[in-house]
Amino acid sequence: EAVAGAVAVALAAALATRSRGGPPPARPEFLRAVAARLPDSDVRSGLRIAARMPEHTSVRHAAEVLGSGYRMSGPDTVPYALWCAAGHLDDLHEGLWITVAGRGDIDTTCAIAGGVIAARTGVAALPAAWHAAREPLSLVVR
C-alpha cells in the first residue's frame, strides 16, 4: 500500500506537470487517470471512490469517506490529499487551505496535495508572508 501511495503521488505530480499551460483536468478525470495506472490496492480503490464523489461534496465528507490521515497509512491519506489537489490544480494557496480543513495528518496530506499542485503552478503565487515566514533552505553543496 505504501508503494501504491507513492506511485499515485508521483503519477499525480506528473499529470499535473503535463497539464501546465492549459486548463486543468477535471477532478474525476484526473483521479481516474491516476487510479488507472495503479496496481490493485486500497489506494486505487480510494481514488476510484474519490473520482465518483459529486462536485459539491464537502471537505468534511470527503475526509470522512476517504480518510485524512488519522490511521497514518497510504490508503488513509493519499486518496484524500489527491482529491484536494485535483480540485485546486490552479490554486496552491486554496488547495492547501482546503486540505487543512480535512484535519487528520495535516502535514502529510498538505505535503502531498501541495507537491502535486506546485508541480503545475510553482510556488510564486503563494502570499509573500508565507515566503517570508518559511524556514531558510540550506544551500546545496556540490
N, C-alpha and C. Protein backbone atom coordinates (compact mmCIF):
# COMPACT_ATOMS: atom_id res chain seq x y z
N GLU A 1 0.82 -1.20 0.00
CA GLU A 1 0.00 0.00 0.00
C GLU A 1 0.86 1.26 0.00
N ALA A 2 1.97 1.21 0.73
CA ALA A 2 2.87 2.38 0.75
C ALA A 2 3.44 2.64 -0.64
N VAL A 3 3.81 1.58 -1.34
CA VAL A 3 4.33 1.73 -2.69
C VAL A 3 3.23 2.27 -3.62
N ALA A 4 2.03 1.73 -3.51
CA ALA A 4 0.92 2.21 -4.34
C ALA A 4 0.66 3.69 -4.07
N GLY A 5 0.73 4.10 -2.80
CA GLY A 5 0.54 5.51 -2.46
C GLY A 5 1.62 6.39 -3.06
N ALA A 6 2.87 5.95 -2.96
CA ALA A 6 3.97 6.73 -3.53
C ALA A 6 3.86 6.83 -5.04
N VAL A 7 3.49 5.75 -5.68
CA VAL A 7 3.30 5.75 -7.13
C VAL A 7 2.16 6.69 -7.50
N ALA A 8 1.08 6.66 -6.74
CA ALA A 8 -0.07 7.54 -7.02
C ALA A 8 0.34 9.01 -6.95
N VAL A 9 1.11 9.37 -5.94
CA VAL A 9 1.54 10.77 -5.79
C VAL A 9 2.46 11.16 -6.94
N ALA A 10 3.38 10.29 -7.30
CA ALA A 10 4.28 10.58 -8.42
C ALA A 10 3.51 10.73 -9.73
N LEU A 11 2.56 9.84 -9.97
CA LEU A 11 1.73 9.94 -11.17
C LEU A 11 0.93 11.24 -11.19
N ALA A 12 0.34 11.59 -10.04
CA ALA A 12 -0.45 12.82 -9.96
C ALA A 12 0.42 14.04 -10.25
N ALA A 13 1.63 14.07 -9.70
CA ALA A 13 2.54 15.20 -9.95
C ALA A 13 2.90 15.26 -11.44
N ALA A 14 3.15 14.11 -12.03
CA ALA A 14 3.48 14.08 -13.46
C ALA A 14 2.31 14.55 -14.31
N LEU A 15 1.10 14.09 -13.99
CA LEU A 15 -0.08 14.53 -14.74
C LEU A 15 -0.33 16.02 -14.57
N ALA A 16 -0.11 16.52 -13.34
CA ALA A 16 -0.29 17.96 -13.09
C ALA A 16 0.73 18.77 -13.89
N THR A 17 1.96 18.30 -13.92
CA THR A 17 3.01 18.99 -14.68
C THR A 17 2.71 18.96 -16.17
N ARG A 18 2.28 17.82 -16.65
CA ARG A 18 1.99 17.68 -18.08
C ARG A 18 0.87 18.62 -18.53
N SER A 19 -0.04 18.97 -17.62
CA SER A 19 -1.17 19.81 -18.00
C SER A 19 -0.87 21.30 -17.87
N ARG A 20 0.36 21.67 -17.49
CA ARG A 20 0.73 23.08 -17.39
C ARG A 20 0.46 23.81 -18.70
N GLY A 21 0.02 25.04 -18.59
CA GLY A 21 -0.21 25.86 -19.77
C GLY A 21 -1.59 25.71 -20.37
N GLY A 22 -2.32 24.72 -19.96
CA GLY A 22 -3.67 24.50 -20.46
C GLY A 22 -4.63 24.46 -19.29
N PRO A 23 -5.88 24.24 -19.58
CA PRO A 23 -6.85 24.13 -18.48
C PRO A 23 -6.56 22.89 -17.64
N PRO A 24 -6.81 22.96 -16.35
CA PRO A 24 -6.57 21.78 -15.52
C PRO A 24 -7.58 20.69 -15.85
N PRO A 25 -7.16 19.45 -15.74
CA PRO A 25 -8.14 18.38 -15.95
C PRO A 25 -9.20 18.42 -14.86
N ALA A 26 -10.39 17.99 -15.18
CA ALA A 26 -11.46 17.92 -14.18
C ALA A 26 -11.07 16.90 -13.12
N ARG A 27 -11.52 17.15 -11.89
CA ARG A 27 -11.17 16.28 -10.76
C ARG A 27 -11.43 14.80 -11.05
N PRO A 28 -12.64 14.42 -11.51
CA PRO A 28 -12.89 12.99 -11.71
C PRO A 28 -11.93 12.36 -12.72
N GLU A 29 -11.69 13.05 -13.82
CA GLU A 29 -10.80 12.50 -14.86
C GLU A 29 -9.37 12.39 -14.34
N PHE A 30 -8.93 13.38 -13.60
CA PHE A 30 -7.58 13.38 -13.04
C PHE A 30 -7.40 12.18 -12.10
N LEU A 31 -8.35 11.99 -11.20
CA LEU A 31 -8.26 10.89 -10.23
C LEU A 31 -8.38 9.54 -10.92
N ARG A 32 -9.25 9.44 -11.91
CA ARG A 32 -9.37 8.17 -12.65
C ARG A 32 -8.09 7.86 -13.41
N ALA A 33 -7.45 8.89 -13.96
CA ALA A 33 -6.19 8.67 -14.71
C ALA A 33 -5.10 8.14 -13.79
N VAL A 34 -5.03 8.65 -12.57
CA VAL A 34 -4.05 8.15 -11.60
C VAL A 34 -4.40 6.72 -11.21
N ALA A 35 -5.65 6.49 -10.84
CA ALA A 35 -6.08 5.16 -10.39
C ALA A 35 -5.85 4.10 -11.47
N ALA A 36 -6.05 4.46 -12.71
CA ALA A 36 -5.93 3.50 -13.81
C ALA A 36 -4.52 2.95 -13.95
N ARG A 37 -3.54 3.67 -13.44
CA ARG A 37 -2.14 3.26 -13.59
C ARG A 37 -1.58 2.57 -12.34
N LEU A 38 -2.45 2.34 -11.35
CA LEU A 38 -2.00 1.73 -10.09
C LEU A 38 -2.30 0.24 -10.06
N PRO A 39 -1.50 -0.50 -9.30
CA PRO A 39 -1.84 -1.91 -9.08
C PRO A 39 -3.07 -2.00 -8.20
N ASP A 40 -3.69 -3.17 -8.20
CA ASP A 40 -4.84 -3.42 -7.34
C ASP A 40 -4.41 -3.15 -5.89
N SER A 41 -5.10 -2.22 -5.23
CA SER A 41 -4.72 -1.82 -3.87
C SER A 41 -5.84 -1.01 -3.25
N ASP A 42 -5.74 -0.81 -1.95
CA ASP A 42 -6.70 0.05 -1.26
C ASP A 42 -6.55 1.51 -1.69
N VAL A 43 -5.32 1.91 -2.03
CA VAL A 43 -5.11 3.28 -2.53
C VAL A 43 -5.88 3.47 -3.83
N ARG A 44 -5.77 2.50 -4.74
CA ARG A 44 -6.50 2.60 -6.01
C ARG A 44 -8.01 2.63 -5.77
N SER A 45 -8.49 1.79 -4.86
CA SER A 45 -9.93 1.79 -4.53
C SER A 45 -10.36 3.14 -3.99
N GLY A 46 -9.55 3.72 -3.11
CA GLY A 46 -9.87 5.04 -2.55
C GLY A 46 -9.92 6.12 -3.62
N LEU A 47 -9.00 6.06 -4.57
CA LEU A 47 -9.00 7.05 -5.66
C LEU A 47 -10.23 6.88 -6.55
N ARG A 48 -10.64 5.65 -6.77
CA ARG A 48 -11.85 5.43 -7.56
C ARG A 48 -13.09 5.97 -6.84
N ILE A 49 -13.14 5.78 -5.54
CA ILE A 49 -14.24 6.36 -4.75
C ILE A 49 -14.20 7.88 -4.83
N ALA A 50 -13.00 8.44 -4.68
CA ALA A 50 -12.84 9.91 -4.76
C ALA A 50 -13.30 10.45 -6.11
N ALA A 51 -12.99 9.73 -7.17
CA ALA A 51 -13.38 10.18 -8.52
C ALA A 51 -14.88 10.18 -8.72
N ARG A 52 -15.59 9.35 -7.96
CA ARG A 52 -17.06 9.28 -8.09
C ARG A 52 -17.78 10.26 -7.19
N MET A 53 -17.08 10.97 -6.35
CA MET A 53 -17.75 11.92 -5.44
C MET A 53 -18.31 13.08 -6.25
N PRO A 54 -19.53 13.49 -5.95
CA PRO A 54 -20.11 14.64 -6.66
C PRO A 54 -19.29 15.91 -6.44
N GLU A 55 -19.35 16.80 -7.39
CA GLU A 55 -18.56 18.04 -7.32
C GLU A 55 -18.87 18.85 -6.06
N HIS A 56 -20.08 18.81 -5.58
CA HIS A 56 -20.47 19.60 -4.42
C HIS A 56 -20.12 18.93 -3.08
N THR A 57 -19.38 17.83 -3.10
CA THR A 57 -19.01 17.13 -1.87
C THR A 57 -18.23 18.06 -0.95
N SER A 58 -18.60 18.09 0.31
CA SER A 58 -17.88 18.94 1.27
C SER A 58 -16.55 18.31 1.64
N VAL A 59 -15.63 19.15 2.06
CA VAL A 59 -14.32 18.67 2.50
C VAL A 59 -14.49 17.71 3.68
N ARG A 60 -15.35 18.07 4.60
CA ARG A 60 -15.57 17.22 5.77
C ARG A 60 -16.05 15.82 5.37
N HIS A 61 -16.99 15.78 4.43
CA HIS A 61 -17.48 14.48 3.98
C HIS A 61 -16.38 13.69 3.26
N ALA A 62 -15.64 14.37 2.40
CA ALA A 62 -14.56 13.69 1.68
C ALA A 62 -13.55 13.12 2.66
N ALA A 63 -13.19 13.89 3.69
CA ALA A 63 -12.23 13.41 4.69
C ALA A 63 -12.78 12.21 5.46
N GLU A 64 -14.06 12.24 5.77
CA GLU A 64 -14.67 11.12 6.49
C GLU A 64 -14.71 9.85 5.64
N VAL A 65 -15.03 10.00 4.38
CA VAL A 65 -15.15 8.84 3.49
C VAL A 65 -13.77 8.31 3.08
N LEU A 66 -12.88 9.22 2.69
CA LEU A 66 -11.59 8.81 2.15
C LEU A 66 -10.53 8.62 3.24
N GLY A 67 -10.72 9.27 4.37
CA GLY A 67 -9.70 9.26 5.42
C GLY A 67 -8.74 10.41 5.19
N SER A 68 -8.33 11.07 6.25
CA SER A 68 -7.41 12.20 6.10
C SER A 68 -6.16 12.02 6.95
N GLY A 69 -5.83 10.79 7.25
CA GLY A 69 -4.56 10.52 7.90
C GLY A 69 -4.62 10.11 9.35
N TYR A 70 -5.79 9.96 9.91
CA TYR A 70 -5.86 9.54 11.32
C TYR A 70 -5.27 8.15 11.51
N ARG A 71 -5.36 7.31 10.48
CA ARG A 71 -4.80 5.95 10.59
C ARG A 71 -3.36 5.89 10.08
N MET A 72 -2.84 7.02 9.62
CA MET A 72 -1.45 7.15 9.18
C MET A 72 -1.01 6.03 8.24
N SER A 73 -1.73 5.90 7.15
CA SER A 73 -1.39 4.91 6.13
C SER A 73 -1.68 5.50 4.76
N GLY A 74 -1.08 4.90 3.74
CA GLY A 74 -1.31 5.36 2.37
C GLY A 74 -2.77 5.41 1.98
N PRO A 75 -3.52 4.34 2.23
CA PRO A 75 -4.93 4.37 1.84
C PRO A 75 -5.75 5.41 2.61
N ASP A 76 -5.24 5.85 3.75
CA ASP A 76 -5.94 6.82 4.59
C ASP A 76 -5.48 8.26 4.36
N THR A 77 -4.49 8.47 3.51
CA THR A 77 -4.01 9.84 3.25
C THR A 77 -4.04 10.19 1.77
N VAL A 78 -3.55 9.30 0.94
CA VAL A 78 -3.35 9.62 -0.48
C VAL A 78 -4.65 9.94 -1.22
N PRO A 79 -5.70 9.13 -1.11
CA PRO A 79 -6.92 9.49 -1.85
C PRO A 79 -7.47 10.87 -1.46
N TYR A 80 -7.49 11.17 -0.16
CA TYR A 80 -7.99 12.49 0.26
C TYR A 80 -7.09 13.61 -0.24
N ALA A 81 -5.78 13.46 -0.07
CA ALA A 81 -4.85 14.51 -0.50
C ALA A 81 -4.95 14.75 -2.00
N LEU A 82 -5.06 13.69 -2.78
CA LEU A 82 -5.17 13.86 -4.22
C LEU A 82 -6.54 14.39 -4.63
N TRP A 83 -7.59 14.06 -3.87
CA TRP A 83 -8.91 14.66 -4.11
C TRP A 83 -8.82 16.17 -3.92
N CYS A 84 -8.16 16.60 -2.86
CA CYS A 84 -7.99 18.05 -2.61
C CYS A 84 -7.18 18.69 -3.73
N ALA A 85 -6.07 18.08 -4.08
CA ALA A 85 -5.20 18.64 -5.13
C ALA A 85 -5.94 18.73 -6.45
N ALA A 86 -6.65 17.66 -6.81
CA ALA A 86 -7.32 17.62 -8.11
C ALA A 86 -8.39 18.70 -8.26
N GLY A 87 -8.95 19.15 -7.16
CA GLY A 87 -9.96 20.20 -7.22
C GLY A 87 -9.39 21.61 -7.22
N HIS A 88 -8.05 21.72 -7.07
CA HIS A 88 -7.42 23.05 -6.97
C HIS A 88 -6.10 23.10 -7.71
N LEU A 89 -6.03 22.49 -8.86
CA LEU A 89 -4.76 22.40 -9.58
C LEU A 89 -4.20 23.74 -10.03
N ASP A 90 -5.02 24.77 -10.04
CA ASP A 90 -4.54 26.10 -10.42
C ASP A 90 -4.42 27.05 -9.24
N ASP A 91 -4.59 26.57 -8.01
CA ASP A 91 -4.58 27.47 -6.85
C ASP A 91 -3.93 26.78 -5.64
N LEU A 92 -2.62 26.91 -5.53
CA LEU A 92 -1.88 26.27 -4.45
C LEU A 92 -2.34 26.76 -3.09
N HIS A 93 -2.55 28.05 -2.96
CA HIS A 93 -2.98 28.64 -1.69
C HIS A 93 -4.30 28.03 -1.23
N GLU A 94 -5.30 28.04 -2.08
CA GLU A 94 -6.62 27.49 -1.73
C GLU A 94 -6.54 25.97 -1.56
N GLY A 95 -5.78 25.31 -2.40
CA GLY A 95 -5.63 23.86 -2.27
C GLY A 95 -5.08 23.44 -0.92
N LEU A 96 -4.13 24.20 -0.40
CA LEU A 96 -3.57 23.88 0.91
C LEU A 96 -4.60 24.12 2.02
N TRP A 97 -5.34 25.23 1.94
CA TRP A 97 -6.34 25.51 2.98
C TRP A 97 -7.46 24.48 2.96
N ILE A 98 -7.86 24.05 1.79
CA ILE A 98 -8.89 23.01 1.69
C ILE A 98 -8.38 21.71 2.32
N THR A 99 -7.14 21.38 2.05
CA THR A 99 -6.56 20.16 2.60
C THR A 99 -6.50 20.23 4.12
N VAL A 100 -6.12 21.37 4.67
CA VAL A 100 -6.07 21.56 6.12
C VAL A 100 -7.46 21.33 6.73
N ALA A 101 -8.50 21.74 6.03
CA ALA A 101 -9.85 21.64 6.56
C ALA A 101 -10.28 20.20 6.84
N GLY A 102 -9.63 19.23 6.24
CA GLY A 102 -9.96 17.83 6.49
C GLY A 102 -9.36 17.29 7.76
N ARG A 103 -8.54 18.10 8.41
CA ARG A 103 -7.87 17.72 9.65
C ARG A 103 -7.06 16.46 9.45
N GLY A 104 -6.97 15.62 10.42
CA GLY A 104 -6.19 14.40 10.29
C GLY A 104 -4.69 14.69 10.34
N ASP A 105 -3.93 14.00 9.51
CA ASP A 105 -2.48 14.14 9.45
C ASP A 105 -2.15 15.28 8.49
N ILE A 106 -2.35 16.50 8.96
CA ILE A 106 -2.30 17.70 8.11
C ILE A 106 -0.96 17.88 7.42
N ASP A 107 0.14 17.67 8.13
CA ASP A 107 1.43 17.90 7.46
C ASP A 107 1.63 16.93 6.30
N THR A 108 1.19 15.70 6.46
CA THR A 108 1.34 14.72 5.39
C THR A 108 0.40 15.02 4.22
N THR A 109 -0.88 15.25 4.51
CA THR A 109 -1.83 15.50 3.41
C THR A 109 -1.50 16.79 2.68
N CYS A 110 -1.05 17.82 3.41
CA CYS A 110 -0.67 19.08 2.74
C CYS A 110 0.62 18.92 1.92
N ALA A 111 1.55 18.10 2.41
CA ALA A 111 2.76 17.85 1.63
C ALA A 111 2.41 17.17 0.31
N ILE A 112 1.50 16.22 0.38
CA ILE A 112 1.08 15.51 -0.84
C ILE A 112 0.34 16.45 -1.77
N ALA A 113 -0.74 17.06 -1.27
CA ALA A 113 -1.55 17.95 -2.13
C ALA A 113 -0.73 19.13 -2.63
N GLY A 114 0.03 19.75 -1.74
CA GLY A 114 0.84 20.90 -2.13
C GLY A 114 1.88 20.56 -3.17
N GLY A 115 2.52 19.40 -3.03
CA GLY A 115 3.52 18.99 -4.01
C GLY A 115 2.92 18.77 -5.38
N VAL A 116 1.75 18.16 -5.42
CA VAL A 116 1.08 17.91 -6.71
C VAL A 116 0.65 19.23 -7.35
N ILE A 117 0.04 20.10 -6.57
CA ILE A 117 -0.41 21.38 -7.14
C ILE A 117 0.79 22.22 -7.57
N ALA A 118 1.83 22.28 -6.74
CA ALA A 118 3.01 23.07 -7.08
C ALA A 118 3.73 22.53 -8.31
N ALA A 119 3.58 21.25 -8.60
CA ALA A 119 4.16 20.71 -9.83
C ALA A 119 3.55 21.40 -11.06
N ARG A 120 2.33 21.86 -10.92
CA ARG A 120 1.66 22.57 -12.02
C ARG A 120 1.86 24.08 -11.93
N THR A 121 1.76 24.63 -10.72
CA THR A 121 1.72 26.09 -10.57
C THR A 121 3.03 26.73 -10.17
N GLY A 122 3.92 25.99 -9.54
CA GLY A 122 5.07 26.60 -8.89
C GLY A 122 4.60 27.22 -7.58
N VAL A 123 5.51 27.88 -6.87
CA VAL A 123 5.17 28.46 -5.57
C VAL A 123 5.09 29.98 -5.60
N ALA A 124 5.31 30.60 -6.73
CA ALA A 124 5.34 32.06 -6.81
C ALA A 124 4.01 32.71 -6.43
N ALA A 125 2.90 32.02 -6.62
CA ALA A 125 1.59 32.62 -6.34
C ALA A 125 1.22 32.60 -4.86
N LEU A 126 2.03 31.96 -4.03
CA LEU A 126 1.74 31.96 -2.60
C LEU A 126 1.92 33.36 -2.02
N PRO A 127 1.20 33.68 -0.96
CA PRO A 127 1.33 35.00 -0.35
C PRO A 127 2.78 35.29 0.08
N ALA A 128 3.20 36.53 -0.08
CA ALA A 128 4.56 36.92 0.29
C ALA A 128 4.85 36.61 1.75
N ALA A 129 3.85 36.75 2.61
CA ALA A 129 4.04 36.47 4.03
C ALA A 129 4.42 35.01 4.26
N TRP A 130 3.90 34.11 3.44
CA TRP A 130 4.25 32.69 3.58
C TRP A 130 5.71 32.48 3.22
N HIS A 131 6.16 33.13 2.15
CA HIS A 131 7.56 33.01 1.75
C HIS A 131 8.48 33.57 2.84
N ALA A 132 8.09 34.69 3.42
CA ALA A 132 8.91 35.33 4.44
C ALA A 132 8.97 34.51 5.73
N ALA A 133 7.90 33.78 6.04
CA ALA A 133 7.82 33.04 7.30
C ALA A 133 8.41 31.63 7.23
N ARG A 134 8.76 31.18 6.06
CA ARG A 134 9.26 29.81 5.95
C ARG A 134 10.66 29.69 6.54
N GLU A 135 11.00 28.48 6.88
CA GLU A 135 12.35 28.21 7.38
C GLU A 135 13.32 28.40 6.24
N PRO A 136 14.53 28.87 6.54
CA PRO A 136 15.50 29.05 5.45
C PRO A 136 15.90 27.69 4.86
N LEU A 137 16.12 27.69 3.58
CA LEU A 137 16.55 26.47 2.90
C LEU A 137 18.07 26.40 2.95
N SER A 138 18.60 25.24 3.18
CA SER A 138 20.05 25.07 3.18
C SER A 138 20.56 25.13 1.76
N LEU A 139 21.76 25.66 1.61
CA LEU A 139 22.39 25.66 0.29
C LEU A 139 22.89 24.25 0.02
N VAL A 140 22.70 23.84 -1.21
CA VAL A 140 23.18 22.53 -1.61
C VAL A 140 24.63 22.67 -2.04
N VAL A 141 25.49 21.87 -1.44
CA VAL A 141 26.91 21.90 -1.79
C VAL A 141 27.14 20.81 -2.82
N ARG A 142 27.76 21.20 -3.89
CA ARG A 142 28.03 20.23 -4.97
C ARG A 142 29.44 19.76 -4.92
